[in-house]
Amino acid sequence: MSEGIDVRRVSAASYGAMAAAFADLCRRAEAPNLHMAPAAIAAALSGPVRRADEIVILCAEGSTGELVGVWAFGKRRSLHTGFTTMLQAPLVPLYEVSSAPVLDRRVAAPAALALLRFLAGAADLPKLLRLPLLPVEGAGFAALAAACAETGSRLHRFESWERPMAMPRPGEDAERYLRRALGQSYKKRLQQHRMLERAGTLQLGRHRRSDAVTALDDFLALEAAGWKGTNGTALAKLPADAAYFREVIGRFAEADMARIDLLRLDGKPIAAGVLLDFAGQAHFLKIAYDETLARLSPGRGLAIEMLRRDFADDGSFRLDSGAGDRVDASAYPWGERQAMANAIIAIGPAGSSLPRLAARGRMLLRQWRDRKGGTAGGTAR
């Protein structure tokens, strides 16, 4: 227990009943990680994670019983973990964008400390955390780093990168933001966007709840018509992945935590973005566009129109591009950057050398894949 905060382990079945409490926690968090939501756990169990006992959900509660922290993991033992059993967050990194716990900003430090102390004291849980998508700046990370120091845990970072973000300054409107974000390329990018506008009637549709489930078909069709379809990596070509992705969007849409933005030209979808979206925080999952219109940059056009809509609706928003460690940040019209890293935490004072060995093994594996012409970065996956 840390400063009146208790941590309990919650089963996947009972966690579903905590959706309202989780939503309330997100409203109090600096950067809510929606991949810790009950909807994400339920979706994972429908596909990639077959057994509920492979999921570990920790809930930190204050003295009044209010939820102040959540961290969900999957138990993993594979080549990626050096064949050592670890707890991994998020459960399905391929389609998720953050490994961070969700912490109430008012008590972030004691909540993070309570979570690590629970992990240190749980005899039946691995003492290694694999966090491949960890934000490594901001109040949440500061709280986690302080908790590591307090518990004698070691946080090993590797494969660092900067993720494009959109975090407008007070008083900015869309055009001021774009001028600042695009810098010297502002004039060129806006001229290109005006070419797209002159090509026909351009319209952004924002689809939520049941409309998002329907609009997902437009996204899948756009993705399958491009290079991913040719290479066989589009979701429409991967039935199991497509079924899981539909489950994710369906469950989040039901909770009004998902949206699909469709950019249409003369009524025809030319770009689509799939996002998780709640309490002013949006997380890009995937993007697709009509590659026959590549000279008009419909993908960037979608991002520009999304920004304009966000400013028109409110102006106080935060967008996480979800970009991985091989993405050209300059390709985005988003002006801020979030420091990210793949990380491993060794819980407790033992200070095992296994995290360094596992991290080194993963880096060597990636280098070997690169030499063999393996995976390449893109925008949102």
Protein backbone atom coordinates (compact mmCIF):
# COMPACT_ATOMS: atom_id res chain seq x y z
CA MET A 1 0.00 0.00 0.00
CA SER A 2 1.29 3.53 -0.86
CA GLU A 3 -0.29 6.59 0.80
CA GLY A 4 -3.68 4.95 1.22
CA ILE A 5 -3.66 3.32 -2.22
CA ASP A 6 -4.44 -0.39 -2.44
CA VAL A 7 -3.82 -2.56 -5.48
CA ARG A 8 -5.85 -5.62 -6.33
CA ARG A 9 -5.68 -8.08 -9.17
CA VAL A 10 -8.92 -8.22 -11.14
CA SER A 11 -10.06 -11.04 -13.38
CA ALA A 12 -10.80 -10.33 -17.03
CA ALA A 13 -14.41 -11.39 -16.45
CA SER A 14 -15.03 -8.97 -13.58
CA TYR A 15 -13.08 -6.13 -15.22
CA GLY A 16 -15.84 -5.74 -17.79
CA ALA A 17 -18.10 -4.33 -15.08
CA MET A 18 -15.56 -1.55 -14.40
CA ALA A 19 -16.05 0.26 -17.72
CA ALA A 20 -17.63 3.32 -16.11
CA ALA A 21 -14.91 3.55 -13.45
CA PHE A 22 -12.22 3.25 -16.14
CA ALA A 23 -13.84 6.00 -18.22
CA ASP A 24 -13.89 8.25 -15.16
CA LEU A 25 -10.21 7.51 -14.52
CA CYS A 26 -9.38 8.48 -18.11
CA ARG A 27 -10.95 11.89 -17.53
CA ARG A 28 -8.53 12.38 -14.62
CA ALA A 29 -5.43 11.04 -16.39
CA GLU A 30 -2.76 13.14 -18.10
CA ALA A 31 -2.68 10.82 -21.12
CA PRO A 32 -5.24 8.02 -20.84
CA ASN A 33 -4.15 4.78 -22.46
CA LEU A 34 -7.34 3.32 -23.90
CA HIS A 35 -5.58 0.01 -24.57
CA MET A 36 -6.04 -0.67 -20.87
CA ALA A 37 -9.84 -0.36 -21.21
CA PRO A 38 -12.23 -3.26 -20.54
CA ALA A 39 -13.13 -3.14 -24.25
CA ALA A 40 -9.49 -3.85 -25.19
CA ILE A 41 -9.28 -6.81 -22.80
CA ALA A 42 -12.53 -8.29 -24.10
CA ALA A 43 -11.40 -7.87 -27.72
CA ALA A 44 -8.05 -9.53 -27.01
CA LEU A 45 -9.80 -12.52 -25.49
CA SER A 46 -11.89 -12.88 -28.63
CA GLY A 47 -8.80 -13.44 -30.77
CA PRO A 48 -5.06 -13.16 -30.04
CA VAL A 49 -5.26 -14.03 -26.31
CA ARG A 50 -7.09 -17.32 -25.94
CA ARG A 51 -6.85 -17.85 -22.19
CA ALA A 52 -8.04 -15.46 -19.50
CA ASP A 53 -5.30 -16.64 -17.14
CA GLU A 54 -2.72 -15.15 -19.55
CA ILE A 55 -4.03 -11.67 -18.67
CA VAL A 56 -3.00 -9.78 -15.54
CA ILE A 57 -5.07 -6.69 -14.66
CA LEU A 58 -3.99 -4.53 -11.74
CA CYS A 59 -6.32 -1.87 -10.33
CA ALA A 60 -5.10 0.76 -7.85
CA GLU A 61 -7.78 2.30 -5.63
CA GLY A 62 -7.71 5.24 -3.26
CA SER A 63 -8.95 5.27 0.31
CA THR A 64 -12.51 5.99 -0.86
CA GLY A 65 -12.45 3.13 -3.38
CA GLU A 66 -11.99 5.44 -6.35
CA LEU A 67 -9.99 3.93 -9.22
CA VAL A 68 -6.67 5.81 -9.50
CA GLY A 69 -4.57 3.48 -11.64
CA VAL A 70 -4.84 0.58 -14.09
CA TRP A 71 -2.16 -1.53 -15.74
CA ALA A 72 -3.01 -4.59 -17.81
CA PHE A 73 -0.49 -7.16 -19.06
CA GLY A 74 -0.31 -10.40 -20.95
CA LYS A 75 2.05 -13.18 -19.92
CA ARG A 76 4.56 -13.80 -22.70
CA ARG A 77 7.40 -16.23 -23.32
CA SER A 78 8.89 -16.18 -26.81
CA LEU A 79 11.92 -15.29 -28.89
CA HIS A 80 11.04 -11.60 -28.36
CA THR A 81 11.40 -12.08 -24.58
CA GLY A 82 14.55 -14.16 -24.79
CA PHE A 83 12.40 -17.20 -23.84
CA THR A 84 11.99 -15.67 -20.41
CA THR A 85 8.47 -15.29 -19.05
CA MET A 86 7.54 -11.61 -18.90
CA LEU A 87 4.50 -9.44 -18.42
CA GLN A 88 3.85 -7.44 -21.60
CA ALA A 89 1.81 -4.30 -22.09
CA PRO A 90 -0.16 -3.72 -24.19
CA LEU A 91 -1.68 -7.12 -24.84
CA VAL A 92 -1.50 -6.89 -28.65
CA PRO A 93 1.24 -4.39 -29.64
CA LEU A 94 0.63 -4.79 -33.40
CA TYR A 95 -2.57 -2.74 -33.23
CA GLU A 96 -1.99 -0.76 -30.04
CA VAL A 97 0.03 2.36 -29.35
CA SER A 98 1.04 2.58 -25.68
CA SER A 99 2.43 0.43 -22.87
CA ALA A 100 1.85 3.03 -20.14
CA PRO A 101 -0.39 2.53 -17.13
CA VAL A 102 -3.38 4.83 -16.72
CA LEU A 103 -2.73 7.04 -13.69
CA ASP A 104 -4.88 9.66 -11.99
CA ARG A 105 -2.88 12.87 -12.48
CA ARG A 106 -3.63 13.92 -8.87
CA VAL A 107 -1.88 10.87 -7.37
CA ALA A 108 0.23 9.58 -10.26
CA ALA A 109 3.38 9.04 -8.21
CA PRO A 110 1.86 7.06 -5.31
CA ALA A 111 -0.35 5.09 -7.71
CA ALA A 112 2.65 4.05 -9.83
CA LEU A 113 4.57 3.14 -6.67
CA ALA A 114 1.69 1.03 -5.41
CA LEU A 115 1.49 -0.86 -8.71
CA LEU A 116 5.21 -1.68 -8.73
CA ARG A 117 5.17 -2.70 -5.07
CA PHE A 118 2.30 -5.07 -5.79
CA LEU A 119 4.23 -6.62 -8.69
CA ALA A 120 7.32 -6.95 -6.52
CA GLY A 121 5.39 -8.75 -3.80
CA ALA A 122 3.32 -11.07 -6.00
CA ALA A 123 5.08 -14.44 -5.82
CA ASP A 124 3.15 -15.88 -8.77
CA LEU A 125 3.95 -13.09 -11.24
CA PRO A 126 7.07 -12.60 -13.41
CA LYS A 127 9.41 -9.85 -12.31
CA LEU A 128 10.15 -8.62 -15.82
CA LEU A 129 7.89 -6.15 -17.66
CA ARG A 130 8.19 -5.84 -21.44
CA LEU A 131 6.95 -2.40 -22.54
CA PRO A 132 7.53 -2.02 -26.30
CA LEU A 133 5.59 1.23 -26.67
CA LEU A 134 6.43 3.32 -23.63
CA PRO A 135 6.19 7.14 -23.59
CA VAL A 136 9.34 8.26 -21.79
CA GLU A 137 8.49 11.84 -20.91
CA GLY A 138 5.67 13.59 -19.11
CA ALA A 139 4.20 13.27 -15.63
CA GLY A 140 3.17 9.64 -16.10
CA PHE A 141 6.66 8.50 -17.02
CA ALA A 142 8.19 10.61 -14.24
CA ALA A 143 5.91 8.83 -11.76
CA LEU A 144 6.89 5.43 -13.16
CA ALA A 145 10.62 6.25 -13.12
CA ALA A 146 10.37 7.47 -9.52
CA ALA A 147 8.56 4.27 -8.55
CA CYS A 148 11.34 2.23 -10.14
CA ALA A 149 13.93 4.12 -8.12
CA GLU A 150 11.92 3.71 -4.91
CA THR A 151 11.52 -0.05 -5.36
CA GLY A 152 15.05 -0.68 -6.61
CA SER A 153 13.70 -1.72 -10.01
CA ARG A 154 15.68 -1.16 -13.19
CA LEU A 155 14.20 0.42 -16.29
CA HIS A 156 16.15 -0.42 -19.46
CA ARG A 157 15.37 1.64 -22.57
CA PHE A 158 16.27 0.71 -26.13
CA GLU A 159 15.12 1.54 -29.67
CA SER A 160 14.15 5.12 -28.87
CA TRP A 161 12.26 7.34 -31.31
CA GLU A 162 10.02 10.41 -31.47
CA ARG A 163 6.34 10.01 -32.20
CA PRO A 164 4.43 12.83 -33.94
CA MET A 165 1.67 14.33 -31.81
CA ALA A 166 -0.80 17.19 -32.05
CA MET A 167 -1.08 19.27 -28.87
CA PRO A 168 -2.27 22.78 -29.75
CA ARG A 169 -1.23 25.80 -27.76
CA PRO A 170 -3.83 28.02 -26.11
CA GLY A 171 -5.30 30.51 -28.57
CA GLU A 172 -4.24 28.66 -31.72
CA ASP A 173 -6.64 28.02 -34.59
CA ALA A 174 -6.19 25.48 -37.37
CA GLU A 175 -4.21 27.72 -39.72
CA ARG A 176 -1.90 29.05 -37.01
CA TYR A 177 -1.28 25.51 -35.88
CA LEU A 178 -0.54 24.27 -39.41
CA ARG A 179 1.87 27.16 -40.02
CA ARG A 180 3.78 26.27 -36.86
CA ALA A 181 3.65 22.50 -37.39
CA LEU A 182 4.63 22.49 -41.05
CA GLY A 183 7.20 25.27 -40.81
CA GLN A 184 8.98 25.92 -44.08
CA SER A 185 6.89 23.32 -45.90
CA TYR A 186 3.60 25.06 -44.99
CA LYS A 187 3.18 26.83 -48.34
CA LYS A 188 3.99 23.71 -50.39
CA ARG A 189 1.71 21.44 -48.35
CA LEU A 190 -1.22 23.84 -48.44
CA GLN A 191 -0.83 24.36 -52.20
CA GLN A 192 -0.95 20.60 -52.58
CA HIS A 193 -4.04 20.44 -50.39
CA ARG A 194 -5.76 23.13 -52.46
CA MET A 195 -5.15 20.95 -55.54
CA LEU A 196 -7.05 18.20 -53.76
CA GLU A 197 -9.86 20.62 -52.89
CA ARG A 198 -10.10 21.75 -56.52
CA ALA A 199 -10.34 18.14 -57.74
CA GLY A 200 -13.97 17.95 -56.60
CA THR A 201 -16.18 18.25 -53.55
CA LEU A 202 -14.05 17.35 -50.50
CA GLN A 203 -15.88 16.30 -47.34
CA LEU A 204 -14.76 14.83 -44.01
CA GLY A 205 -17.16 12.45 -42.30
CA ARG A 206 -16.64 11.58 -38.64
CA HIS A 207 -18.28 8.26 -37.75
CA ARG A 208 -18.97 7.02 -34.22
CA ARG A 209 -20.87 4.17 -32.55
CA SER A 210 -22.71 2.00 -35.10
CA ASP A 211 -21.67 4.31 -37.94
CA ALA A 212 -18.02 3.57 -37.13
CA VAL A 213 -18.64 -0.16 -37.46
CA THR A 214 -20.18 0.42 -40.89
CA ALA A 215 -17.43 2.83 -41.99
CA LEU A 216 -14.80 0.22 -41.14
CA ASP A 217 -15.68 -1.52 -44.41
CA ASP A 218 -14.60 1.59 -46.35
CA PHE A 219 -11.28 1.59 -44.52
CA LEU A 220 -10.69 -2.11 -45.21
CA ALA A 221 -11.48 -1.64 -48.90
CA LEU A 222 -9.07 1.31 -49.23
CA GLU A 223 -6.28 -0.58 -47.49
CA ALA A 224 -6.82 -3.72 -49.60
CA ALA A 225 -6.70 -1.70 -52.84
CA GLY A 226 -3.18 -0.44 -52.09
CA TRP A 227 0.27 -1.93 -51.69
CA LYS A 228 -0.69 -3.79 -48.52
CA GLY A 229 -3.32 -5.66 -50.51
CA THR A 230 -0.74 -6.52 -53.15
CA ASN A 231 1.70 -7.75 -50.51
CA GLY A 232 -1.00 -9.69 -48.67
CA THR A 233 -0.60 -7.66 -45.46
CA ALA A 234 -3.88 -5.72 -45.64
CA LEU A 235 -6.35 -6.70 -42.95
CA ALA A 236 -8.82 -7.86 -45.59
CA LYS A 237 -6.21 -10.45 -46.65
CA LEU A 238 -5.73 -11.69 -43.08
CA PRO A 239 -9.06 -13.10 -41.84
CA ALA A 240 -7.99 -13.66 -38.22
CA ASP A 241 -6.48 -10.18 -37.92
CA ALA A 242 -9.51 -8.60 -39.59
CA ALA A 243 -11.86 -10.41 -37.21
CA TYR A 244 -9.87 -9.18 -34.21
CA PHE A 245 -9.75 -5.62 -35.54
CA ARG A 246 -13.51 -5.64 -36.12
CA GLU A 247 -13.95 -6.84 -32.56
CA VAL A 248 -11.76 -3.99 -31.25
CA ILE A 249 -13.64 -1.31 -33.16
CA GLY A 250 -17.02 -2.84 -32.37
CA ARG A 251 -16.40 -2.93 -28.63
CA PHE A 252 -14.84 0.53 -28.45
CA ALA A 253 -17.56 1.98 -30.69
CA GLU A 254 -20.21 0.55 -28.38
CA ALA A 255 -18.57 2.47 -25.52
CA ASP A 256 -18.29 5.58 -27.75
CA MET A 257 -14.50 5.38 -27.55
CA ALA A 258 -13.78 4.86 -31.26
CA ARG A 259 -14.26 6.78 -34.46
CA ILE A 260 -13.48 6.45 -38.15
CA ASP A 261 -12.79 9.59 -40.15
CA LEU A 262 -13.50 9.25 -43.87
CA LEU A 263 -12.35 11.82 -46.41
CA ARG A 264 -14.56 11.71 -49.51
CA LEU A 265 -14.00 13.29 -52.90
CA ASP A 266 -17.27 13.67 -54.81
CA GLY A 267 -18.78 11.16 -52.42
CA LYS A 268 -16.08 8.51 -52.92
CA PRO A 269 -13.86 7.55 -49.92
CA ILE A 270 -10.25 8.48 -50.70
CA ALA A 271 -8.71 8.28 -47.21
CA ALA A 272 -9.69 6.76 -43.88
CA GLY A 273 -8.35 6.96 -40.36
CA VAL A 274 -9.24 4.56 -37.55
CA LEU A 275 -8.87 6.06 -34.08
CA LEU A 276 -9.65 5.42 -30.46
CA ASP A 277 -11.07 8.65 -29.08
CA PHE A 278 -12.26 9.62 -25.62
CA ALA A 279 -12.20 12.65 -23.31
CA GLY A 280 -10.33 14.86 -25.79
CA GLN A 281 -7.61 12.26 -26.39
CA ALA A 282 -7.39 10.52 -29.78
CA HIS A 283 -5.06 7.64 -30.70
CA PHE A 284 -4.47 6.77 -34.35
CA LEU A 285 -4.57 3.02 -35.00
CA LYS A 286 -4.46 2.78 -38.80
CA ILE A 287 -4.70 4.90 -41.93
CA ALA A 288 -5.37 4.05 -45.59
CA TYR A 289 -5.80 6.13 -48.72
CA ASP A 290 -6.49 5.83 -52.44
CA GLU A 291 -3.04 5.32 -53.93
CA THR A 292 -4.24 6.24 -57.43
CA LEU A 293 -4.48 9.81 -56.07
CA ALA A 294 -1.03 9.77 -54.47
CA ARG A 295 0.02 12.96 -56.30
CA LEU A 296 -2.70 14.79 -54.33
CA SER A 297 -1.59 13.29 -50.98
CA PRO A 298 -5.03 12.20 -49.74
CA GLY A 299 -3.51 10.79 -46.54
CA ARG A 300 -2.05 14.15 -45.58
CA GLY A 301 -5.26 15.77 -46.77
CA LEU A 302 -7.18 13.61 -44.31
CA ALA A 303 -4.90 14.71 -41.46
CA ILE A 304 -5.32 18.39 -42.37
CA GLU A 305 -9.10 18.12 -42.54
CA MET A 306 -9.13 16.24 -39.22
CA LEU A 307 -7.19 19.07 -37.60
CA ARG A 308 -9.57 21.64 -39.02
CA ARG A 309 -12.55 19.71 -37.66
CA ASP A 310 -10.93 19.32 -34.24
CA PHE A 311 -10.28 23.06 -33.99
CA ALA A 312 -13.80 23.85 -35.19
CA ASP A 313 -15.34 21.47 -32.64
CA ASP A 314 -13.36 22.51 -29.59
CA GLY A 315 -9.68 23.28 -30.07
CA SER A 316 -8.66 21.57 -26.82
CA PHE A 317 -7.61 18.16 -28.06
CA ARG A 318 -4.60 15.87 -28.05
CA LEU A 319 -3.84 13.48 -30.90
CA ASP A 320 -1.36 10.62 -30.71
CA SER A 321 -0.27 9.50 -34.19
CA GLY A 322 0.56 6.01 -32.93
CA ALA A 323 3.63 6.03 -35.19
CA GLY A 324 6.24 3.37 -34.61
CA ASP A 325 10.01 3.63 -34.47
CA ARG A 326 10.60 3.71 -38.23
CA VAL A 327 8.30 6.46 -39.35
CA ASP A 328 9.44 9.71 -40.94
CA ALA A 329 7.99 12.26 -38.53
CA SER A 330 8.19 15.01 -41.16
CA ALA A 331 5.45 13.23 -43.14
CA TYR A 332 2.86 14.40 -40.62
CA PRO A 333 1.19 17.80 -40.22
CA TRP A 334 1.46 17.42 -36.46
CA GLY A 335 3.93 19.69 -34.74
CA GLU A 336 4.71 18.08 -31.41
CA ARG A 337 6.85 15.06 -30.59
CA GLN A 338 6.57 12.45 -27.85
CA ALA A 339 9.75 10.62 -26.84
CA MET A 340 9.12 6.87 -27.02
CA ALA A 341 11.12 3.73 -26.32
CA ASN A 342 10.90 0.01 -26.16
CA ALA A 343 11.65 -0.76 -22.53
CA ILE A 344 12.00 -3.57 -20.03
CA ILE A 345 11.61 -3.14 -16.27
CA ALA A 346 13.22 -5.59 -13.86
CA ILE A 347 11.04 -5.41 -10.74
CA GLY A 348 12.74 -5.25 -7.35
CA PRO A 349 16.33 -4.85 -6.20
CA ALA A 350 17.70 -8.03 -7.80
CA GLY A 351 18.65 -6.10 -10.94
CA SER A 352 18.65 -9.11 -13.23
CA SER A 353 20.81 -8.95 -16.35
CA LEU A 354 18.02 -10.65 -18.31
CA PRO A 355 16.42 -7.38 -19.46
CA ARG A 356 19.63 -6.30 -21.15
CA LEU A 357 20.05 -9.70 -22.76
CA ALA A 358 16.45 -9.76 -23.97
CA ALA A 359 16.72 -6.21 -25.29
CA ARG A 360 19.96 -7.04 -27.09
CA GLY A 361 18.42 -10.16 -28.57
CA ARG A 362 15.44 -8.22 -29.88
CA MET A 363 17.69 -5.60 -31.48
CA LEU A 364 19.78 -8.29 -33.19
CA LEU A 365 16.63 -9.99 -34.45
CA ARG A 366 15.38 -6.73 -35.92
CA GLN A 367 18.73 -6.03 -37.57
CA TRP A 368 18.67 -9.50 -39.12
CA ARG A 369 15.12 -8.90 -40.44
CA ASP A 370 16.25 -5.58 -41.91
CA ARG A 371 19.07 -7.26 -43.78
CA LYS A 372 16.59 -9.83 -45.10
CA GLY A 373 14.28 -7.03 -46.29
CA GLY A 374 11.83 -7.42 -43.44
CA THR A 375 9.27 -5.04 -42.01
CA ALA A 376 9.40 -1.37 -42.84
CA GLY A 377 7.87 1.51 -41.02
CA GLY A 378 4.89 3.38 -42.26
CA THR A 379 2.36 5.75 -40.87
CA ALA A 380 -0.15 4.30 -38.70
CA ARG A 381 0.40 0.69 -39.50
